[in-house]
Structure formats: C-alpha cells, structure tokens
C-alpha cells in the first residue's frame, strides 16, 4: 500500500497541473485548458524527441528480447553450465551508467558512429537485456522438459523443437518481455544525455534539459503523456497475460504433430471386468 501511494502521488500532482490555463506550474491548477498539450503537438522539437525515443526504445527492446530469448533457449540445454552463465545476464543491472555511457561514446568515435543513435540503441539494449532475459526465463521454467525430450525422441531435430514446440509456449513471455524492455528504454535518461547526438534528443533527455532551465506547464503536459504511455503499456501487458491464461492450452500431441512427428494412440490398458467367481 505504501509503495502504491509513493508511485501514484507524484502522478496525481503532475497530471492535474498540466491542465492549467496559467503560465506557471502550480497545484491546484489555475483554471482548465488544453493549451499546453496543444503546444506539445504543435512544436516540432517535442514530436521529434518522441519519435527518437520510440525508434531507440523499439530497436533496443527488439535486440534485447532476441538475445534474451536465444540465451534462455540455449541455457535450457546446458543445465550444468547454465547455473554459472545465468548470472552474467544480470550484470547490466549493476553497471555504473555514467561510466558505461562514456565508454560507449569513446568506442563510437573510431567506428564513425558518434553522430548517430546507434551507440544509444546498443547501450539501451544492454540495459534492457536483464528484463527480457528474466521474463522469458520465467516462462521457460514453467515448460515441462518432457516436451522437448518427447519431440526429439520422435524424430524432431532441435531447431524444429524450438520453433514448433518451445517458442509457441513462450510467446506470451516474449511479448511481455519486449513491452517491459520498451517501457524501460523509453524512460531511460542517463545514456540518452551522454549519447544522444545534437538534434536527435530523446524525450527523457529533452525533458531533463528543459527542466534544468525552466519549469513550465509544458513539461507537466509532456510528463502526462509519458505517464499515459506507461499506463497503456502496463494495461496491454495485463490484458495479454489474462487473455493468454484464459485460452485452452494446446494438447501435447498437437505440439508434437506440429513439430513433424506423428503420435500413435495409446493402447487401452484398462483391466477387463472380472467375471463371476466359480463356486468351489
């Protein structure tokens, strides 16, 4: 309850203040107006920053989800070394972001990428990797290893087993991991401040820069849009999880047939009814 209040109260302060009709940020707002939201969409700087954030976050989330899913599938087949390698995918959570950003910036110079968004995309992909990996790994831990063993024993190679058996079962976790990674990358500001090229600032970086110079209702309206986007992503995740949980799980034999294997009906092993006992 305390954590919920701690997370919700700042939103309850910022969002109402974004609808003020005055020229200063104050709570409660002075009148009601949409002028500051109109100013956001009329100004090219904010829409360009939003487009840069979406482009960077989508690319980083996609790369992190692909690498995380492949790592989970690989570690599930080398369980002896999986316990040793698994903690390596959580190292980005303890990285010092500023040092990491400075290192990426220096690496981008000799590669000729210092004027593009690629260093920022790569950095955010590294930071999003633990989120995608943990989400997919949670789904993989719930899949019975007998699925893969049964498909393999009946003729399916490892690639067909992954493509037809395991990935369909992990679809919900992969989508959820991508959405969470996208939301994390969209709000990331430290790498964006150091690695965004001139004229291609992301939305969080531009918000930070503008807030350090002048706090106006325009910033509150932009923050309200970011909050709305975050809530929308959370709702999509919840709806997707509930919809997937409500579906009827495909039977085991259907997965094996999809993998290119035909299953034989099980023999009837039920005992025959006992006849009447003979009198001695």
Protein backbone atom coordinates (compact mmCIF):
# COMPACT_ATOMS: atom_id res chain seq x y z
CA UNK A 1 0.00 0.00 0.00
CA UNK A 2 2.81 2.42 0.89
CA UNK A 3 4.63 1.63 -2.37
CA UNK A 4 1.45 2.24 -4.35
CA UNK A 5 0.93 5.63 -2.70
CA UNK A 6 4.58 6.51 -3.30
CA UNK A 7 4.19 5.76 -7.02
CA UNK A 8 0.76 7.30 -7.57
CA UNK A 9 1.02 10.58 -5.62
CA UNK A 10 3.58 12.22 -7.98
CA UNK A 11 1.27 11.45 -10.91
CA UNK A 12 -1.68 12.97 -9.08
CA UNK A 13 0.34 16.16 -8.71
CA UNK A 14 1.85 16.42 -12.21
CA UNK A 15 -1.15 15.44 -14.33
CA UNK A 16 -3.66 17.96 -12.91
CA UNK A 17 -1.03 20.70 -13.13
CA UNK A 18 -0.65 20.02 -16.86
CA UNK A 19 -4.22 21.24 -17.48
CA UNK A 20 -3.66 24.70 -16.05
CA UNK A 21 -4.63 27.73 -18.08
CA UNK A 22 -1.93 29.85 -16.49
CA UNK A 23 1.68 30.31 -17.48
CA UNK A 24 3.20 28.86 -14.32
CA UNK A 25 3.23 25.36 -12.90
CA UNK A 26 1.09 25.26 -9.78
CA UNK A 27 -1.12 22.86 -7.84
CA UNK A 28 -4.08 23.14 -7.80
CA UNK A 29 -4.12 24.42 -11.40
CA UNK A 30 -5.33 27.89 -12.23
CA UNK A 31 -8.31 27.05 -14.45
CA UNK A 32 -8.63 24.27 -17.01
CA UNK A 33 -7.16 24.32 -20.51
CA UNK A 34 -5.70 22.03 -23.17
CA UNK A 35 -3.28 24.72 -24.37
CA UNK A 36 -0.14 23.04 -23.10
CA UNK A 37 -0.99 19.71 -24.71
CA UNK A 38 -1.65 21.55 -27.97
CA UNK A 39 1.73 23.24 -27.61
CA UNK A 40 3.40 19.83 -27.32
CA UNK A 41 1.95 18.55 -30.61
CA UNK A 42 2.39 21.88 -32.42
CA UNK A 43 6.09 22.11 -31.62
CA UNK A 44 8.42 20.05 -33.82
CA UNK A 45 11.03 19.71 -31.09
CA UNK A 46 8.83 17.58 -28.83
CA UNK A 47 7.40 15.40 -31.59
CA UNK A 48 10.90 14.77 -32.96
CA UNK A 49 12.10 13.84 -29.48
CA UNK A 50 9.16 11.48 -29.07
CA UNK A 51 9.90 9.85 -32.44
CA UNK A 52 13.56 9.41 -31.48
CA UNK A 53 12.55 7.79 -28.18
CA UNK A 54 10.20 5.36 -29.90
CA UNK A 55 12.81 4.46 -32.52
CA UNK A 56 15.59 3.93 -29.99
CA UNK A 57 13.44 2.04 -27.47
CA UNK A 58 11.85 -0.24 -30.07
CA UNK A 59 15.22 -1.16 -31.56
CA UNK A 60 16.82 -1.74 -28.16
CA UNK A 61 13.87 -3.79 -26.89
CA UNK A 62 13.87 -5.95 -30.03
CA UNK A 63 17.59 -6.65 -29.80
CA UNK A 64 17.41 -7.38 -26.07
CA UNK A 65 14.42 -9.69 -26.47
CA UNK A 66 16.03 -11.68 -29.30
CA UNK A 67 19.30 -12.10 -27.40
CA UNK A 68 17.50 -12.88 -24.14
CA UNK A 69 15.21 -15.48 -25.72
CA UNK A 70 18.11 -17.19 -27.52
CA UNK A 71 20.11 -17.22 -24.29
CA UNK A 72 17.24 -18.80 -22.36
CA UNK A 73 16.76 -21.48 -25.03
CA UNK A 74 20.48 -22.20 -25.07
CA UNK A 75 20.93 -22.34 -21.31
CA UNK A 76 17.98 -24.71 -21.01
CA UNK A 77 20.04 -27.26 -22.98
CA UNK A 78 23.24 -26.90 -20.95
CA UNK A 79 21.88 -27.06 -17.44
CA UNK A 80 25.26 -27.89 -15.94
CA UNK A 81 26.80 -24.64 -17.17
CA UNK A 82 23.54 -22.68 -17.08
CA UNK A 83 23.86 -22.00 -13.37
CA UNK A 84 27.29 -20.46 -13.99
CA UNK A 85 26.37 -18.44 -17.08
CA UNK A 86 22.94 -17.23 -15.95
CA UNK A 87 24.25 -14.52 -13.52
CA UNK A 88 26.22 -12.94 -16.38
CA UNK A 89 22.97 -11.74 -17.95
CA UNK A 90 22.16 -9.72 -14.83
CA UNK A 91 25.44 -7.79 -14.81
CA UNK A 92 23.94 -4.79 -16.71
CA UNK A 93 21.77 -4.14 -13.63
CA UNK A 94 24.87 -3.20 -11.61
CA UNK A 95 26.69 -1.26 -14.32
CA UNK A 96 27.58 2.35 -13.46
CA UNK A 97 25.52 4.05 -16.15
CA UNK A 98 27.71 7.15 -16.49
CA UNK A 99 30.92 5.14 -16.90
CA UNK A 100 29.16 2.83 -19.35
CA UNK A 101 27.88 5.81 -21.36
CA UNK A 102 31.32 7.41 -21.51
CA UNK A 103 32.86 4.15 -22.68
CA UNK A 104 30.26 3.71 -25.43
CA UNK A 105 30.80 7.27 -26.58
CA UNK A 106 34.54 6.72 -26.90
CA UNK A 107 34.05 3.42 -28.74
CA UNK A 108 31.69 5.07 -31.23
CA UNK A 109 34.25 7.67 -32.37
CA UNK A 110 36.70 5.34 -34.22
CA UNK A 111 33.74 3.43 -35.67
CA UNK A 112 32.26 6.62 -37.14
CA UNK A 113 29.01 6.23 -35.18
CA UNK A 114 29.39 9.23 -32.88
CA UNK A 115 26.83 11.27 -34.86
CA UNK A 116 24.10 8.62 -34.90
CA UNK A 117 21.70 6.94 -32.49
CA UNK A 118 23.34 3.52 -32.81
CA UNK A 119 25.53 3.84 -29.68
CA UNK A 120 22.45 4.81 -27.67
CA UNK A 121 20.47 1.89 -29.12
CA UNK A 122 23.27 -0.54 -28.28
CA UNK A 123 23.61 0.81 -24.75
CA UNK A 124 19.90 0.62 -24.06
CA UNK A 125 19.78 -2.91 -25.48
CA UNK A 126 22.41 -3.95 -22.93
CA UNK A 127 20.46 -2.35 -20.09
CA UNK A 128 17.19 -3.95 -21.25
CA UNK A 129 18.72 -7.42 -21.57
CA UNK A 130 18.15 -8.49 -17.92
CA UNK A 131 14.46 -7.55 -18.16
CA UNK A 132 13.88 -9.56 -21.33
CA UNK A 133 16.00 -12.47 -20.12
CA UNK A 134 14.25 -12.70 -16.75
CA UNK A 135 10.78 -12.54 -18.32
CA UNK A 136 11.47 -15.25 -20.88
CA UNK A 137 13.34 -17.39 -18.32
CA UNK A 138 10.29 -17.26 -16.07
CA UNK A 139 8.18 -18.76 -18.84
CA UNK A 140 10.82 -21.35 -19.72
CA UNK A 141 10.93 -22.59 -16.13
CA UNK A 142 7.22 -23.48 -16.38
CA UNK A 143 7.62 -25.60 -19.53
CA UNK A 144 7.95 -29.30 -18.82
CA UNK A 145 11.30 -30.55 -20.22
CA UNK A 146 9.45 -33.69 -21.28
CA UNK A 147 8.01 -31.71 -24.22
CA UNK A 148 11.41 -31.29 -25.85
CA UNK A 149 12.55 -34.82 -24.99
CA UNK A 150 9.39 -36.35 -26.40
CA UNK A 151 9.60 -34.34 -29.63
CA UNK A 152 13.27 -35.24 -30.02
CA UNK A 153 12.67 -38.93 -29.37
CA UNK A 154 10.00 -39.00 -32.06
CA UNK A 155 12.16 -37.52 -34.81
CA UNK A 156 12.12 -33.72 -34.46
CA UNK A 157 15.53 -32.02 -34.60
CA UNK A 158 16.46 -29.31 -32.12
CA UNK A 159 15.54 -26.41 -34.43
CA UNK A 160 12.10 -27.84 -35.18
CA UNK A 161 11.54 -28.50 -31.49
CA UNK A 162 12.40 -24.88 -30.65
CA UNK A 163 10.33 -23.41 -33.48
CA UNK A 164 7.24 -25.58 -33.18
CA UNK A 165 7.13 -26.55 -29.50
CA UNK A 166 9.01 -24.13 -27.23
CA UNK A 167 8.58 -20.76 -28.95
CA UNK A 168 4.77 -21.04 -29.17
CA UNK A 169 4.70 -21.79 -25.44
CA UNK A 170 6.96 -18.78 -24.77
CA UNK A 171 5.04 -16.37 -26.99
CA UNK A 172 3.34 -14.60 -24.09
CA UNK A 173 6.58 -14.15 -22.16
CA UNK A 174 8.44 -12.89 -25.22
CA UNK A 175 5.81 -10.24 -25.92
CA UNK A 176 5.70 -9.25 -22.25
CA UNK A 177 9.49 -9.01 -22.10
CA UNK A 178 9.55 -6.80 -25.20
CA UNK A 179 6.93 -4.43 -23.78
CA UNK A 180 8.71 -4.14 -20.43
CA UNK A 181 12.05 -3.59 -22.14
CA UNK A 182 10.47 -0.93 -24.37
CA UNK A 183 8.99 0.89 -21.37
CA UNK A 184 12.33 0.79 -19.54
CA UNK A 185 14.25 2.08 -22.54
CA UNK A 186 11.70 4.80 -23.22
CA UNK A 187 12.19 6.27 -19.73
CA UNK A 188 15.99 5.88 -19.63
CA UNK A 189 17.73 9.26 -19.34
CA UNK A 190 21.38 8.76 -18.32
CA UNK A 191 22.60 7.17 -21.55
CA UNK A 192 20.37 9.49 -23.54
CA UNK A 193 22.05 12.56 -22.06
CA UNK A 194 25.53 11.33 -22.94
CA UNK A 195 24.92 9.57 -26.25
CA UNK A 196 22.12 11.48 -28.00
CA UNK A 197 23.57 13.35 -31.00
CA UNK A 198 22.66 17.04 -31.48
CA UNK A 199 19.17 17.49 -32.82
CA UNK A 200 18.17 13.88 -32.02
CA UNK A 201 17.48 14.06 -28.31
CA UNK A 202 15.15 11.51 -26.82
CA UNK A 203 12.11 12.65 -24.87
CA UNK A 204 13.52 11.99 -21.37
CA UNK A 205 16.76 13.78 -22.25
CA UNK A 206 14.88 16.80 -23.58
CA UNK A 207 12.65 16.82 -20.50
CA UNK A 208 15.70 16.86 -18.24
CA UNK A 209 17.37 19.61 -20.22
CA UNK A 210 14.26 21.80 -20.26
CA UNK A 211 13.52 21.18 -16.57
CA UNK A 212 17.03 22.32 -15.62
CA UNK A 213 16.39 25.66 -17.33
CA UNK A 214 12.72 26.43 -16.80
CA UNK A 215 9.87 24.51 -15.14
CA UNK A 216 6.67 25.28 -17.04
CA UNK A 217 3.27 23.60 -17.52
CA UNK A 218 4.57 22.39 -20.87
CA UNK A 219 6.86 19.96 -19.05
CA UNK A 220 3.92 18.74 -16.98
CA UNK A 221 1.91 18.03 -20.14
CA UNK A 222 4.80 16.09 -21.66
CA UNK A 223 5.15 14.15 -18.40
CA UNK A 224 1.42 13.42 -18.51
CA UNK A 225 1.80 11.93 -21.99
CA UNK A 226 4.70 9.77 -20.81
CA UNK A 227 2.64 8.54 -17.85
CA UNK A 228 -0.27 7.77 -20.18
CA UNK A 229 2.02 5.76 -22.46
CA UNK A 230 3.43 3.82 -19.50
CA UNK A 231 -0.05 3.02 -18.19
CA UNK A 232 -1.11 1.93 -21.68
CA UNK A 233 1.84 -0.48 -21.93
CA UNK A 234 1.01 -1.88 -18.48
CA UNK A 235 -2.62 -2.42 -19.48
CA UNK A 236 -1.60 -4.15 -22.70
CA UNK A 237 0.67 -6.47 -20.71
CA UNK A 238 -2.10 -7.31 -18.24
CA UNK A 239 -4.70 -7.88 -20.95
CA UNK A 240 -2.30 -10.05 -22.96
CA UNK A 241 -1.44 -12.16 -19.92
CA UNK A 242 -5.08 -12.62 -18.93
CA UNK A 243 -6.14 -13.44 -22.48
CA UNK A 244 -3.35 -15.97 -22.85
CA UNK A 245 -4.08 -17.53 -19.47
CA UNK A 246 -7.76 -17.85 -20.38
CA UNK A 247 -7.08 -19.81 -23.56
CA UNK A 248 -7.21 -23.53 -23.59
CA UNK A 249 -3.70 -24.92 -23.58
CA UNK A 250 -2.88 -26.91 -26.67
CA UNK A 251 -2.54 -30.61 -26.01
CA UNK A 252 0.86 -32.28 -26.00
CA UNK A 253 0.12 -34.40 -29.06
CA UNK A 254 -0.76 -31.29 -31.09
CA UNK A 255 2.65 -29.78 -30.34
CA UNK A 256 4.41 -32.96 -31.40
CA UNK A 257 2.42 -33.22 -34.64
CA UNK A 258 3.31 -29.57 -35.41
CA UNK A 259 6.95 -30.50 -34.92
CA UNK A 260 6.66 -33.02 -37.76
CA UNK A 261 6.04 -36.06 -35.59
CA UNK A 262 3.06 -38.39 -35.69
CA UNK A 263 1.84 -39.80 -32.45
CA UNK A 264 0.21 -43.18 -32.02
CA UNK A 265 -2.90 -43.56 -29.93
CA UNK A 266 -2.17 -45.10 -26.59
CA UNK A 267 -3.15 -48.72 -26.18
CA UNK A 268 -6.09 -49.47 -23.96
CA UNK A 269 -4.54 -50.90 -20.83
CA UNK A 270 -7.65 -50.83 -18.72
CA UNK A 271 -8.31 -54.15 -16.98
CA UNK A 272 -11.12 -56.31 -18.24
CA UNK A 273 -14.09 -56.65 -15.91
CA UNK A 274 -13.77 -59.66 -13.69
CA UNK A 275 -16.19 -62.47 -14.41
CA UNK A 276 -18.33 -64.20 -11.83
CA UNK A 277 -16.39 -66.34 -9.46
CA UNK A 278 -16.84 -70.10 -9.79
CA UNK A 279 -18.15 -71.91 -6.81
CA UNK A 280 -15.72 -74.23 -5.23
